[in-house]
Amino acid sequence: MLIVATGNGKGKTTAAIGQAVRAMGHGRRVFFAQFIKSDGFPSGEDRLLRTAFGDQLTFLKGGRGFVGICGDTLPFAEHRAAALATLDAVREAVASGSYGLLVLDEANVAMALKLIAREEMDDFLAAVPVECDVVITGRGADESIISRADFVTECVEVKHPFHSKVPAKKGIEY
């Protein structure tokens, strides 16, 4: 089953974490890979996902951070290499046969930024066995992903403190 969480509103990663917890509650192992987010910007879920679930959850923060915004100076090629390495790690997780759920957090953004080509993602998804479910999150989901998905949720921003110049709140937004 392919589950997609997209849109400009808050809650995509949070929903994916909830899905992972639900899967683990039924004894499934989860591979949770973040494509854009980097260790340089730690968020509240990092520590918990790395340690709280033992070998039931594998957490990989494979991104290099924001791409082309917020002071990013890394060459595009470094961001692309990191995204492809993250996708390779998810492929290895699939090949191991050890995981019942794969979370590809911010993979929609990686595709929209051309860090991962649509064809690369299509090839990956075609190779995932039917007994392994996949969650893909991030703004700007490609129409091919939406068409292929079994579930699609769009998180819609109605109101956000950012627009009133309120900084992101630790424990709520990161």
C-alpha atoms as a PDB file:
ATOM      1  CA  MET A   1       0.000   0.000   0.000  1.00  0.00           C
ATOM      2  CA  LEU A   2       1.261   3.486  -0.837  1.00  0.00           C
ATOM      3  CA  ILE A   3       0.285   6.310   1.507  1.00  0.00           C
ATOM      4  CA  VAL A   4       1.057   9.935   0.592  1.00  0.00           C
ATOM      5  CA  ALA A   5       0.949  12.973   2.885  1.00  0.00           C
ATOM      6  CA  THR A   6       1.430  16.223   0.975  1.00  0.00           C
ATOM      7  CA  GLY A   7       0.363  19.873   1.033  1.00  0.00           C
ATOM      8  CA  ASN A   8       1.580  23.123   2.537  1.00  0.00           C
ATOM      9  CA  GLY A   9       0.137  22.588   5.996  1.00  0.00           C
ATOM     10  CA  LYS A  10       1.846  21.214   9.081  1.00  0.00           C
ATOM     11  CA  GLY A  11       1.518  17.534   9.930  1.00  0.00           C
ATOM     12  CA  LYS A  12       3.043  15.422   7.156  1.00  0.00           C
ATOM     13  CA  THR A  13       6.031  14.101   9.111  1.00  0.00           C
ATOM     14  CA  THR A  14       3.923  13.911  12.257  1.00  0.00           C
ATOM     15  CA  ALA A  15       1.397  11.721  10.438  1.00  0.00           C
ATOM     16  CA  ALA A  16       4.196   9.487   9.128  1.00  0.00           C
ATOM     17  CA  ILE A  17       5.542   9.049  12.666  1.00  0.00           C
ATOM     18  CA  GLY A  18       2.052   8.112  13.817  1.00  0.00           C
ATOM     19  CA  GLN A  19       1.781   5.553  11.013  1.00  0.00           C
ATOM     20  CA  ALA A  20       5.163   4.121  12.033  1.00  0.00           C
ATOM     21  CA  VAL A  21       4.045   3.816  15.656  1.00  0.00           C
ATOM     22  CA  ARG A  22       0.840   2.095  14.565  1.00  0.00           C
ATOM     23  CA  ALA A  23       2.793  -0.390  12.416  1.00  0.00           C
ATOM     24  CA  MET A  24       5.220  -1.138  15.244  1.00  0.00           C
ATOM     25  CA  GLY A  25       2.258  -1.659  17.574  1.00  0.00           C
ATOM     26  CA  HIS A  26       1.342  -4.573  15.321  1.00  0.00           C
ATOM     27  CA  GLY A  27       4.856  -6.007  15.410  1.00  0.00           C
ATOM     28  CA  ARG A  28       6.094  -4.609  12.099  1.00  0.00           C
ATOM     29  CA  ARG A  29       9.581  -3.203  11.646  1.00  0.00           C
ATOM     30  CA  VAL A  30       9.898   0.283  10.177  1.00  0.00           C
ATOM     31  CA  PHE A  31      12.614   1.926   8.097  1.00  0.00           C
ATOM     32  CA  PHE A  32      12.224   5.702   8.421  1.00  0.00           C
ATOM     33  CA  ALA A  33      14.364   7.775   6.024  1.00  0.00           C
ATOM     34  CA  GLN A  34      14.420  11.560   5.835  1.00  0.00           C
ATOM     35  CA  PHE A  35      15.476  12.925   2.451  1.00  0.00           C
ATOM     36  CA  ILE A  36      15.933  16.678   2.977  1.00  0.00           C
ATOM     37  CA  LYS A  37      16.318  17.058   6.717  1.00  0.00           C
ATOM     38  CA  SER A  38      19.890  16.912   8.016  1.00  0.00           C
ATOM     39  CA  ASP A  39      21.678  16.321  11.307  1.00  0.00           C
ATOM     40  CA  GLY A  40      22.691  19.985  11.138  1.00  0.00           C
ATOM     41  CA  PHE A  41      19.151  20.931  12.120  1.00  0.00           C
ATOM     42  CA  PRO A  42      18.027  18.493  14.818  1.00  0.00           C
ATOM     43  CA  SER A  43      14.333  18.155  15.496  1.00  0.00           C
ATOM     44  CA  GLY A  44      12.442  16.696  18.416  1.00  0.00           C
ATOM     45  CA  GLU A  45      11.674  13.405  16.742  1.00  0.00           C
ATOM     46  CA  ASP A  46      15.324  12.605  15.943  1.00  0.00           C
ATOM     47  CA  ARG A  47      16.415  11.398  19.380  1.00  0.00           C
ATOM     48  CA  LEU A  48      13.226   9.444  19.942  1.00  0.00           C
ATOM     49  CA  LEU A  49      13.234   7.738  16.543  1.00  0.00           C
ATOM     50  CA  ARG A  50      16.933   6.845  16.869  1.00  0.00           C
ATOM     51  CA  THR A  51      16.671   5.270  20.314  1.00  0.00           C
ATOM     52  CA  ALA A  52      13.195   4.632  21.707  1.00  0.00           C
ATOM     53  CA  PHE A  53      12.123   1.712  19.552  1.00  0.00           C
ATOM     54  CA  GLY A  54      15.232  -0.468  19.532  1.00  0.00           C
ATOM     55  CA  ASP A  55      15.593  -2.618  16.449  1.00  0.00           C
ATOM     56  CA  GLN A  56      11.916  -2.198  15.576  1.00  0.00           C
ATOM     57  CA  LEU A  57      12.656   1.153  13.883  1.00  0.00           C
ATOM     58  CA  THR A  58      15.673   2.149  11.814  1.00  0.00           C
ATOM     59  CA  PHE A  59      16.043   5.925  11.417  1.00  0.00           C
ATOM     60  CA  LEU A  60      18.160   7.567   8.728  1.00  0.00           C
ATOM     61  CA  LYS A  61      18.523  11.318   8.390  1.00  0.00           C
ATOM     62  CA  GLY A  62      20.044  11.355   4.931  1.00  0.00           C
ATOM     63  CA  GLY A  63      19.520  14.911   3.721  1.00  0.00           C
ATOM     64  CA  ARG A  64      21.987  17.771   3.604  1.00  0.00           C
ATOM     65  CA  GLY A  65      19.476  20.420   4.687  1.00  0.00           C
ATOM     66  CA  PHE A  66      17.560  23.100   2.866  1.00  0.00           C
ATOM     67  CA  VAL A  67      18.256  23.234  -0.860  1.00  0.00           C
ATOM     68  CA  GLY A  68      18.956  26.699  -2.230  1.00  0.00           C
ATOM     69  CA  ILE A  69      17.212  28.580   0.599  1.00  0.00           C
ATOM     70  CA  CYS A  70      17.911  29.724   4.173  1.00  0.00           C
ATOM     71  CA  GLY A  71      21.596  30.306   3.495  1.00  0.00           C
ATOM     72  CA  ASP A  72      22.283  26.964   1.820  1.00  0.00           C
ATOM     73  CA  THR A  73      25.569  27.113  -0.096  1.00  0.00           C
ATOM     74  CA  LEU A  74      26.084  23.435  -0.901  1.00  0.00           C
ATOM     75  CA  PRO A  75      26.323  22.549  -4.569  1.00  0.00           C
ATOM     76  CA  PHE A  76      23.177  20.951  -5.991  1.00  0.00           C
ATOM     77  CA  ALA A  77      25.258  17.838  -6.804  1.00  0.00           C
ATOM     78  CA  GLU A  78      25.898  17.259  -3.066  1.00  0.00           C
ATOM     79  CA  HIS A  79      22.191  17.435  -2.281  1.00  0.00           C
ATOM     80  CA  ARG A  80      21.413  15.062  -5.163  1.00  0.00           C
ATOM     81  CA  ALA A  81      24.118  12.606  -4.083  1.00  0.00           C
ATOM     82  CA  ALA A  82      22.711  12.602  -0.538  1.00  0.00           C
ATOM     83  CA  ALA A  83      19.156  11.991  -1.807  1.00  0.00           C
ATOM     84  CA  LEU A  84      20.309   9.128  -4.040  1.00  0.00           C
ATOM     85  CA  ALA A  85      22.330   7.606  -1.184  1.00  0.00           C
ATOM     86  CA  THR A  86      19.218   7.781   0.998  1.00  0.00           C
ATOM     87  CA  LEU A  87      17.144   6.090  -1.702  1.00  0.00           C
ATOM     88  CA  ASP A  88      19.844   3.403  -1.997  1.00  0.00           C
ATOM     89  CA  ALA A  89      19.637   2.820   1.770  1.00  0.00           C
ATOM     90  CA  VAL A  90      15.866   2.372   1.472  1.00  0.00           C
ATOM     91  CA  ARG A  91      16.420  -0.061  -1.420  1.00  0.00           C
ATOM     92  CA  GLU A  92      18.772  -2.070   0.824  1.00  0.00           C
ATOM     93  CA  ALA A  93      16.120  -2.093   3.544  1.00  0.00           C
ATOM     94  CA  VAL A  94      13.611  -3.505   1.043  1.00  0.00           C
ATOM     95  CA  ALA A  95      16.118  -6.096  -0.163  1.00  0.00           C
ATOM     96  CA  SER A  96      16.731  -7.239   3.417  1.00  0.00           C
ATOM     97  CA  GLY A  97      13.093  -8.320   3.716  1.00  0.00           C
ATOM     98  CA  SER A  98      13.175  -7.109   7.331  1.00  0.00           C
ATOM     99  CA  TYR A  99      10.760  -4.198   7.151  1.00  0.00           C
ATOM    100  CA  GLY A 100       6.987  -4.029   6.871  1.00  0.00           C
ATOM    101  CA  LEU A 101       6.788  -0.244   6.529  1.00  0.00           C
ATOM    102  CA  LEU A 102       9.045   2.225   4.752  1.00  0.00           C
ATOM    103  CA  VAL A 103       8.732   5.948   5.431  1.00  0.00           C
ATOM    104  CA  LEU A 104      10.269   8.257   2.831  1.00  0.00           C
ATOM    105  CA  ASP A 105       9.960  11.573   4.640  1.00  0.00           C
ATOM    106  CA  GLU A 106      10.291  14.634   2.371  1.00  0.00           C
ATOM    107  CA  ALA A 107      10.747  12.415  -0.707  1.00  0.00           C
ATOM    108  CA  ASN A 108       8.097  14.498  -2.497  1.00  0.00           C
ATOM    109  CA  VAL A 109      10.279  17.562  -1.953  1.00  0.00           C
ATOM    110  CA  ALA A 110      13.361  15.677  -3.147  1.00  0.00           C
ATOM    111  CA  MET A 111      11.473  14.833  -6.341  1.00  0.00           C
ATOM    112  CA  ALA A 112      10.131  18.376  -6.804  1.00  0.00           C
ATOM    113  CA  LEU A 113      13.681  19.730  -6.458  1.00  0.00           C
ATOM    114  CA  LYS A 114      14.939  17.139  -8.994  1.00  0.00           C
ATOM    115  CA  LEU A 115      17.217  15.507  -6.417  1.00  0.00           C
ATOM    116  CA  ILE A 116      15.433  12.277  -7.316  1.00  0.00           C
ATOM    117  CA  ALA A 117      13.989  11.846 -10.791  1.00  0.00           C
ATOM    118  CA  ARG A 118      10.374  10.728 -11.063  1.00  0.00           C
ATOM    119  CA  GLU A 119      11.549   7.680 -13.015  1.00  0.00           C
ATOM    120  CA  GLU A 120      13.951   6.729 -10.212  1.00  0.00           C
ATOM    121  CA  MET A 121      11.094   6.853  -7.698  1.00  0.00           C
ATOM    122  CA  ASP A 122       8.751   4.985 -10.046  1.00  0.00           C
ATOM    123  CA  ASP A 123      11.369   2.242 -10.477  1.00  0.00           C
ATOM    124  CA  PHE A 124      11.880   2.039  -6.724  1.00  0.00           C
ATOM    125  CA  LEU A 125       8.155   1.796  -5.971  1.00  0.00           C
ATOM    126  CA  ALA A 126       7.672  -0.870  -8.633  1.00  0.00           C
ATOM    127  CA  ALA A 127      10.291  -3.012  -6.880  1.00  0.00           C
ATOM    128  CA  VAL A 128       8.721  -2.826  -3.394  1.00  0.00           C
ATOM    129  CA  PRO A 129       7.015  -6.129  -2.545  1.00  0.00           C
ATOM    130  CA  VAL A 130       3.268  -5.961  -1.962  1.00  0.00           C
ATOM    131  CA  GLU A 131       3.646  -7.001   1.703  1.00  0.00           C
ATOM    132  CA  CYS A 132       5.736  -3.888   2.417  1.00  0.00           C
ATOM    133  CA  ASP A 133       3.830  -0.624   2.801  1.00  0.00           C
ATOM    134  CA  VAL A 134       5.287   2.774   1.907  1.00  0.00           C
ATOM    135  CA  VAL A 135       4.604   6.270   3.239  1.00  0.00           C
ATOM    136  CA  ILE A 136       5.869   9.235   1.211  1.00  0.00           C
ATOM    137  CA  THR A 137       5.658  12.728   2.666  1.00  0.00           C
ATOM    138  CA  GLY A 138       6.441  16.256   1.606  1.00  0.00           C
ATOM    139  CA  ARG A 139       4.963  19.209  -0.184  1.00  0.00           C
ATOM    140  CA  GLY A 140       4.363  19.129  -3.898  1.00  0.00           C
ATOM    141  CA  ALA A 141       3.682  15.442  -4.503  1.00  0.00           C
ATOM    142  CA  ASP A 142       4.153  14.543  -8.169  1.00  0.00           C
ATOM    143  CA  GLU A 143       0.956  13.601  -9.994  1.00  0.00           C
ATOM    144  CA  SER A 144       2.448  10.183 -10.794  1.00  0.00           C
ATOM    145  CA  ILE A 145       2.846   9.487  -7.073  1.00  0.00           C
ATOM    146  CA  ILE A 146      -0.667  10.699  -6.307  1.00  0.00           C
ATOM    147  CA  SER A 147      -2.114   8.527  -9.099  1.00  0.00           C
ATOM    148  CA  ARG A 148      -0.246   5.472  -7.903  1.00  0.00           C
ATOM    149  CA  ALA A 149      -1.122   5.960  -4.204  1.00  0.00           C
ATOM    150  CA  ASP A 150      -3.797   4.089  -2.290  1.00  0.00           C
ATOM    151  CA  PHE A 151      -4.231   6.886   0.279  1.00  0.00           C
ATOM    152  CA  VAL A 152      -3.487  10.576  -0.260  1.00  0.00           C
ATOM    153  CA  THR A 153      -3.858  13.183   2.443  1.00  0.00           C
ATOM    154  CA  GLU A 154      -3.318  16.856   1.779  1.00  0.00           C
ATOM    155  CA  CYS A 155      -2.370  18.958   4.783  1.00  0.00           C
ATOM    156  CA  VAL A 156      -3.822  22.415   4.232  1.00  0.00           C
ATOM    157  CA  GLU A 157      -2.458  25.487   5.951  1.00  0.00           C
ATOM    158  CA  VAL A 158      -5.315  27.543   7.345  1.00  0.00           C
ATOM    159  CA  LYS A 159      -3.305  29.677   9.751  1.00  0.00           C
ATOM    160  CA  HIS A 160       0.386  29.651  10.705  1.00  0.00           C
ATOM    161  CA  PRO A 161       2.281  31.806  13.223  1.00  0.00           C
ATOM    162  CA  PHE A 162       5.140  32.214  10.709  1.00  0.00           C
ATOM    163  CA  HIS A 163       3.018  34.762   8.818  1.00  0.00           C
ATOM    164  CA  SER A 164       2.921  36.897  11.978  1.00  0.00           C
ATOM    165  CA  LYS A 165       6.726  36.657  12.232  1.00  0.00           C
ATOM    166  CA  VAL A 166       6.552  34.212  15.159  1.00  0.00           C
ATOM    167  CA  PRO A 167       9.613  31.928  15.054  1.00  0.00           C
ATOM    168  CA  ALA A 168       9.238  28.153  14.861  1.00  0.00           C
ATOM    169  CA  LYS A 169       8.535  26.651  18.272  1.00  0.00           C
ATOM    170  CA  LYS A 170      10.754  23.858  19.583  1.00  0.00           C
ATOM    171  CA  GLY A 171       8.699  20.764  20.314  1.00  0.00           C
ATOM    172  CA  ILE A 172       5.878  21.866  18.009  1.00  0.00           C
ATOM    173  CA  GLU A 173       7.415  22.583  14.608  1.00  0.00           C
ATOM    174  CA  TYR A 174      10.807  20.938  15.048  1.00  0.00           C
END
